Amino acid sequence: MGCDKNISEISIRLVKPTSSLVGFASLVYDKAIFLGNIAIHKRPEDGYRLTYPSQTSLGDRKFQSFYPINKHVGEFFTHAVVAELERLTEKLNSTEGVLNYANTLGYNNGCGEDSHP
């Protein structure tokens, strides 16, 4: 993308898909700032879009917590997050990946010490 900054430590939390929301991402931008709770939405046609967290004031006005201030940086973030999402979903499409992900969520398929005879 030609950006002189970098994105690292991308983490994705998948959610049970509702409407278009598929998960949330967090990342470190330029080794200097942590950005979290970035929503990942599936576009109806094809691809994904990101939405950034906001807060509502007592007067019901919404304020963006943070967001890219130009299209280039927004596309840079989207490209990096979608690449990590695709890597994660590819990994989860394997049986071993699904079991590992289930174990991180606390499921042990009846074989762990929490299972009862």
N, C-alpha and C. Protein backbone atom coordinates (compact mmCIF):
# COMPACT_ATOMS: atom_id res chain seq x y z
N MET A 1 0.81 -1.19 0.00
CA MET A 1 0.00 0.00 0.00
C MET A 1 0.86 1.27 0.00
N GLY A 2 2.15 1.14 0.24
CA GLY A 2 3.00 2.30 0.16
C GLY A 2 3.02 3.18 1.41
N CYS A 3 2.55 2.68 2.53
CA CYS A 3 2.54 3.47 3.76
C CYS A 3 3.87 3.27 4.48
N ASP A 4 4.46 4.35 5.01
CA ASP A 4 5.74 4.22 5.67
C ASP A 4 5.62 3.82 7.14
N LYS A 5 4.42 3.62 7.63
CA LYS A 5 4.17 3.16 9.00
C LYS A 5 3.89 1.67 8.95
N ASN A 6 3.85 1.02 10.12
CA ASN A 6 3.53 -0.40 10.11
C ASN A 6 2.45 -0.73 11.13
N ILE A 7 1.85 -1.86 10.90
CA ILE A 7 0.82 -2.38 11.81
C ILE A 7 1.33 -3.72 12.32
N SER A 8 1.24 -3.91 13.62
CA SER A 8 1.69 -5.17 14.21
C SER A 8 0.68 -5.61 15.27
N GLU A 9 0.91 -6.79 15.79
CA GLU A 9 0.12 -7.34 16.89
C GLU A 9 -1.38 -7.29 16.62
N ILE A 10 -1.77 -7.69 15.41
CA ILE A 10 -3.19 -7.72 15.08
C ILE A 10 -3.83 -8.91 15.78
N SER A 11 -4.88 -8.64 16.49
CA SER A 11 -5.63 -9.68 17.20
C SER A 11 -7.09 -9.56 16.77
N ILE A 12 -7.72 -10.71 16.50
CA ILE A 12 -9.11 -10.71 16.06
C ILE A 12 -9.93 -11.60 16.98
N ARG A 13 -11.05 -11.06 17.45
CA ARG A 13 -12.02 -11.82 18.24
C ARG A 13 -13.25 -12.03 17.37
N LEU A 14 -13.47 -13.26 16.99
CA LEU A 14 -14.65 -13.57 16.18
C LEU A 14 -15.88 -13.58 17.07
N VAL A 15 -17.02 -13.21 16.51
CA VAL A 15 -18.29 -13.25 17.22
C VAL A 15 -19.26 -14.07 16.39
N LYS A 16 -20.32 -14.53 17.05
CA LYS A 16 -21.37 -15.20 16.30
C LYS A 16 -21.95 -14.14 15.35
N PRO A 17 -21.88 -14.39 14.05
CA PRO A 17 -22.31 -13.35 13.11
C PRO A 17 -23.77 -12.93 13.31
N THR A 18 -23.98 -11.64 13.46
CA THR A 18 -25.31 -11.06 13.52
C THR A 18 -25.29 -9.90 12.55
N SER A 19 -26.29 -9.83 11.71
CA SER A 19 -26.32 -8.80 10.69
C SER A 19 -25.02 -8.91 9.90
N SER A 20 -24.20 -7.87 9.89
CA SER A 20 -22.96 -7.94 9.12
C SER A 20 -21.72 -8.08 10.00
N LEU A 21 -21.85 -7.94 11.31
CA LEU A 21 -20.71 -7.99 12.22
C LEU A 21 -20.15 -9.40 12.32
N VAL A 22 -18.83 -9.54 12.10
CA VAL A 22 -18.19 -10.86 12.20
C VAL A 22 -17.15 -10.91 13.33
N GLY A 23 -16.68 -9.75 13.80
CA GLY A 23 -15.69 -9.77 14.87
C GLY A 23 -15.15 -8.39 15.18
N PHE A 24 -14.16 -8.39 16.08
CA PHE A 24 -13.51 -7.16 16.49
C PHE A 24 -12.00 -7.34 16.37
N ALA A 25 -11.32 -6.28 15.99
CA ALA A 25 -9.87 -6.33 15.85
C ALA A 25 -9.21 -5.33 16.78
N SER A 26 -8.00 -5.65 17.16
CA SER A 26 -7.13 -4.69 17.84
C SER A 26 -5.78 -4.77 17.16
N LEU A 27 -5.01 -3.70 17.25
CA LEU A 27 -3.72 -3.67 16.57
C LEU A 27 -2.84 -2.60 17.19
N VAL A 28 -1.57 -2.68 16.87
CA VAL A 28 -0.62 -1.64 17.27
C VAL A 28 -0.16 -0.95 16.00
N TYR A 29 -0.29 0.37 15.98
CA TYR A 29 0.08 1.17 14.81
C TYR A 29 1.40 1.87 15.06
N ASP A 30 2.33 1.64 14.15
CA ASP A 30 3.64 2.28 14.17
C ASP A 30 4.40 2.08 15.48
N LYS A 31 4.19 0.94 16.12
CA LYS A 31 4.86 0.62 17.39
C LYS A 31 4.65 1.70 18.44
N ALA A 32 3.55 2.47 18.31
CA ALA A 32 3.38 3.61 19.20
C ALA A 32 2.00 3.70 19.84
N ILE A 33 0.98 3.13 19.21
CA ILE A 33 -0.36 3.31 19.75
C ILE A 33 -1.19 2.05 19.55
N PHE A 34 -1.90 1.66 20.61
CA PHE A 34 -2.79 0.51 20.57
C PHE A 34 -4.17 1.00 20.17
N LEU A 35 -4.78 0.35 19.21
CA LEU A 35 -6.14 0.66 18.77
C LEU A 35 -6.98 -0.59 18.93
N GLY A 36 -8.06 -0.51 19.67
CA GLY A 36 -8.87 -1.69 19.94
C GLY A 36 -10.34 -1.49 19.66
N ASN A 37 -11.08 -2.59 19.72
CA ASN A 37 -12.53 -2.61 19.50
C ASN A 37 -12.93 -2.06 18.14
N ILE A 38 -12.14 -2.39 17.13
CA ILE A 38 -12.46 -2.03 15.75
C ILE A 38 -13.38 -3.12 15.21
N ALA A 39 -14.60 -2.75 14.85
CA ALA A 39 -15.57 -3.74 14.38
C ALA A 39 -15.28 -4.12 12.93
N ILE A 40 -15.41 -5.42 12.64
CA ILE A 40 -15.22 -5.93 11.28
C ILE A 40 -16.60 -6.35 10.76
N HIS A 41 -17.01 -5.76 9.65
CA HIS A 41 -18.32 -6.05 9.05
C HIS A 41 -18.13 -6.67 7.68
N LYS A 42 -18.93 -7.68 7.37
CA LYS A 42 -18.96 -8.27 6.03
C LYS A 42 -19.84 -7.40 5.16
N ARG A 43 -19.34 -7.00 4.01
CA ARG A 43 -20.15 -6.22 3.06
C ARG A 43 -21.14 -7.15 2.37
N PRO A 44 -22.33 -6.66 2.05
CA PRO A 44 -23.33 -7.51 1.38
C PRO A 44 -22.83 -8.07 0.05
N GLU A 45 -22.10 -7.25 -0.72
CA GLU A 45 -21.61 -7.71 -2.02
C GLU A 45 -20.40 -8.61 -1.85
N ASP A 46 -19.31 -8.02 -1.41
CA ASP A 46 -18.07 -8.76 -1.26
C ASP A 46 -17.10 -7.92 -0.45
N GLY A 47 -16.28 -8.56 0.35
CA GLY A 47 -15.27 -7.85 1.11
C GLY A 47 -15.74 -7.47 2.51
N TYR A 48 -14.93 -6.64 3.16
CA TYR A 48 -15.17 -6.25 4.55
C TYR A 48 -14.99 -4.74 4.69
N ARG A 49 -15.56 -4.21 5.76
CA ARG A 49 -15.34 -2.81 6.12
C ARG A 49 -15.11 -2.75 7.63
N LEU A 50 -14.40 -1.74 8.06
CA LEU A 50 -14.13 -1.55 9.48
C LEU A 50 -14.92 -0.35 9.98
N THR A 51 -15.39 -0.46 11.21
CA THR A 51 -15.97 0.71 11.88
C THR A 51 -15.23 0.88 13.20
N TYR A 52 -15.09 2.13 13.59
CA TYR A 52 -14.26 2.46 14.74
C TYR A 52 -15.13 2.82 15.93
N PRO A 53 -14.63 2.58 17.16
CA PRO A 53 -15.45 2.78 18.35
C PRO A 53 -15.87 4.23 18.54
N SER A 54 -17.04 4.36 19.14
CA SER A 54 -17.54 5.70 19.47
C SER A 54 -18.14 5.65 20.87
N GLN A 55 -18.32 6.82 21.43
CA GLN A 55 -18.94 6.96 22.74
C GLN A 55 -20.10 7.92 22.62
N THR A 56 -21.11 7.71 23.46
CA THR A 56 -22.27 8.57 23.46
C THR A 56 -22.25 9.43 24.70
N SER A 57 -22.43 10.73 24.51
CA SER A 57 -22.43 11.65 25.65
C SER A 57 -23.77 11.60 26.37
N LEU A 58 -23.85 12.28 27.49
CA LEU A 58 -25.12 12.34 28.23
C LEU A 58 -26.23 12.95 27.38
N GLY A 59 -25.89 13.81 26.46
CA GLY A 59 -26.86 14.43 25.57
C GLY A 59 -27.14 13.61 24.33
N ASP A 60 -26.75 12.34 24.34
CA ASP A 60 -26.96 11.40 23.23
C ASP A 60 -26.23 11.79 21.94
N ARG A 61 -25.15 12.56 22.05
CA ARG A 61 -24.31 12.84 20.88
C ARG A 61 -23.22 11.79 20.81
N LYS A 62 -22.96 11.30 19.59
CA LYS A 62 -21.90 10.30 19.40
C LYS A 62 -20.60 11.00 19.06
N PHE A 63 -19.52 10.51 19.68
CA PHE A 63 -18.18 11.00 19.42
C PHE A 63 -17.29 9.82 19.06
N GLN A 64 -16.60 9.91 17.95
CA GLN A 64 -15.67 8.87 17.54
C GLN A 64 -14.47 8.86 18.49
N SER A 65 -14.10 7.67 18.99
CA SER A 65 -12.93 7.56 19.85
C SER A 65 -11.65 7.78 19.04
N PHE A 66 -11.59 7.18 17.87
CA PHE A 66 -10.48 7.35 16.94
C PHE A 66 -10.94 6.83 15.58
N TYR A 67 -10.27 7.27 14.54
CA TYR A 67 -10.57 6.82 13.19
C TYR A 67 -9.49 7.33 12.25
N PRO A 68 -9.29 6.66 11.12
CA PRO A 68 -8.31 7.17 10.15
C PRO A 68 -8.80 8.50 9.58
N ILE A 69 -7.91 9.45 9.41
CA ILE A 69 -8.35 10.75 8.94
C ILE A 69 -8.22 10.91 7.42
N ASN A 70 -7.71 9.87 6.76
CA ASN A 70 -7.70 9.92 5.30
C ASN A 70 -7.93 8.52 4.74
N LYS A 71 -8.34 8.47 3.49
CA LYS A 71 -8.70 7.21 2.83
C LYS A 71 -7.51 6.24 2.77
N HIS A 72 -6.32 6.77 2.53
CA HIS A 72 -5.13 5.92 2.40
C HIS A 72 -4.88 5.12 3.68
N VAL A 73 -4.92 5.77 4.82
CA VAL A 73 -4.67 5.08 6.10
C VAL A 73 -5.83 4.13 6.40
N GLY A 74 -7.06 4.52 6.10
CA GLY A 74 -8.20 3.64 6.30
C GLY A 74 -8.06 2.36 5.49
N GLU A 75 -7.64 2.47 4.25
CA GLU A 75 -7.42 1.29 3.41
C GLU A 75 -6.26 0.45 3.92
N PHE A 76 -5.23 1.10 4.44
CA PHE A 76 -4.08 0.40 5.02
C PHE A 76 -4.52 -0.45 6.21
N PHE A 77 -5.32 0.12 7.11
CA PHE A 77 -5.85 -0.62 8.26
C PHE A 77 -6.73 -1.78 7.78
N THR A 78 -7.64 -1.50 6.86
CA THR A 78 -8.57 -2.53 6.37
C THR A 78 -7.80 -3.68 5.74
N HIS A 79 -6.82 -3.38 4.91
CA HIS A 79 -6.02 -4.42 4.25
C HIS A 79 -5.33 -5.31 5.28
N ALA A 80 -4.73 -4.71 6.29
CA ALA A 80 -4.00 -5.48 7.31
C ALA A 80 -4.95 -6.35 8.13
N VAL A 81 -6.08 -5.79 8.55
CA VAL A 81 -7.04 -6.54 9.38
C VAL A 81 -7.67 -7.67 8.58
N VAL A 82 -8.06 -7.40 7.33
CA VAL A 82 -8.69 -8.43 6.50
C VAL A 82 -7.70 -9.56 6.21
N ALA A 83 -6.44 -9.23 5.98
CA ALA A 83 -5.43 -10.27 5.76
C ALA A 83 -5.33 -11.18 6.98
N GLU A 84 -5.34 -10.60 8.18
CA GLU A 84 -5.28 -11.41 9.41
C GLU A 84 -6.56 -12.21 9.59
N LEU A 85 -7.71 -11.62 9.28
CA LEU A 85 -8.99 -12.33 9.36
C LEU A 85 -9.00 -13.53 8.42
N GLU A 86 -8.53 -13.36 7.21
CA GLU A 86 -8.48 -14.47 6.25
C GLU A 86 -7.52 -15.56 6.71
N ARG A 87 -6.38 -15.16 7.28
CA ARG A 87 -5.43 -16.14 7.81
C ARG A 87 -6.09 -16.95 8.93
N LEU A 88 -6.82 -16.25 9.82
CA LEU A 88 -7.49 -16.91 10.94
C LEU A 88 -8.59 -17.85 10.44
N THR A 89 -9.41 -17.40 9.53
CA THR A 89 -10.51 -18.25 9.05
C THR A 89 -9.98 -19.45 8.28
N GLU A 90 -8.88 -19.29 7.56
CA GLU A 90 -8.27 -20.42 6.87
C GLU A 90 -7.79 -21.46 7.88
N LYS A 91 -7.18 -20.97 8.96
CA LYS A 91 -6.71 -21.86 10.02
C LYS A 91 -7.88 -22.58 10.69
N LEU A 92 -8.97 -21.85 10.91
CA LEU A 92 -10.14 -22.45 11.56
C LEU A 92 -10.89 -23.42 10.66
N ASN A 93 -10.69 -23.32 9.37
CA ASN A 93 -11.37 -24.24 8.44
C ASN A 93 -10.81 -25.65 8.52
N SER A 94 -9.66 -25.81 9.14
CA SER A 94 -9.12 -27.16 9.35
C SER A 94 -9.69 -27.69 10.66
N THR A 95 -9.87 -29.00 10.74
CA THR A 95 -10.41 -29.61 11.95
C THR A 95 -9.55 -29.29 13.16
N GLU A 96 -8.25 -29.37 13.01
CA GLU A 96 -7.34 -29.08 14.11
C GLU A 96 -7.51 -27.63 14.56
N GLY A 97 -7.67 -26.71 13.62
CA GLY A 97 -7.85 -25.31 13.95
C GLY A 97 -9.11 -25.07 14.74
N VAL A 98 -10.20 -25.73 14.38
CA VAL A 98 -11.46 -25.58 15.09
C VAL A 98 -11.33 -26.09 16.51
N LEU A 99 -10.70 -27.25 16.68
CA LEU A 99 -10.52 -27.79 18.04
C LEU A 99 -9.64 -26.89 18.89
N ASN A 100 -8.56 -26.36 18.32
CA ASN A 100 -7.69 -25.46 19.07
C ASN A 100 -8.44 -24.20 19.47
N TYR A 101 -9.24 -23.65 18.55
CA TYR A 101 -10.01 -22.44 18.86
C TYR A 101 -11.04 -22.75 19.94
N ALA A 102 -11.71 -23.89 19.85
CA ALA A 102 -12.70 -24.28 20.86
C ALA A 102 -12.02 -24.41 22.23
N ASN A 103 -10.83 -24.97 22.25
CA ASN A 103 -10.12 -25.11 23.52
C ASN A 103 -9.77 -23.75 24.12
N THR A 104 -9.44 -22.77 23.29
CA THR A 104 -9.14 -21.44 23.83
C THR A 104 -10.38 -20.80 24.41
N LEU A 105 -11.56 -21.24 23.97
CA LEU A 105 -12.81 -20.71 24.49
C LEU A 105 -13.28 -21.47 25.73
N GLY A 106 -12.55 -22.54 26.10
CA GLY A 106 -12.90 -23.28 27.31
C GLY A 106 -13.62 -24.59 27.04
N TYR A 107 -13.78 -24.96 25.77
CA TYR A 107 -14.39 -26.25 25.44
C TYR A 107 -13.29 -27.27 25.31
N ASN A 108 -13.55 -28.49 25.78
CA ASN A 108 -12.50 -29.49 25.69
C ASN A 108 -12.99 -30.80 25.10
N ASN A 109 -14.05 -30.80 24.37
CA ASN A 109 -14.64 -31.95 23.68
C ASN A 109 -14.78 -33.20 24.55
N GLY A 110 -14.94 -33.01 25.85
CA GLY A 110 -15.19 -34.13 26.76
C GLY A 110 -13.96 -34.91 27.15
N CYS A 111 -12.78 -34.45 26.76
CA CYS A 111 -11.57 -35.23 27.02
C CYS A 111 -10.67 -34.60 28.07
N GLY A 112 -11.00 -33.44 28.55
CA GLY A 112 -10.14 -32.77 29.51
C GLY A 112 -10.48 -33.09 30.93
N GLU A 113 -9.79 -32.47 31.85
CA GLU A 113 -10.02 -32.75 33.27
C GLU A 113 -11.36 -32.25 33.76
N ASP A 114 -12.00 -31.34 33.02
CA ASP A 114 -13.32 -30.86 33.41
C ASP A 114 -14.45 -31.81 33.02
N SER A 115 -14.14 -32.83 32.21
CA SER A 115 -15.20 -33.75 31.78
C SER A 115 -15.54 -34.71 32.90
N HIS A 116 -16.78 -35.14 32.95
CA HIS A 116 -17.24 -36.05 33.98
C HIS A 116 -17.68 -37.35 33.35
N PRO A 117 -17.37 -38.51 33.99
CA PRO A 117 -17.75 -39.80 33.42
C PRO A 117 -19.24 -40.00 33.40
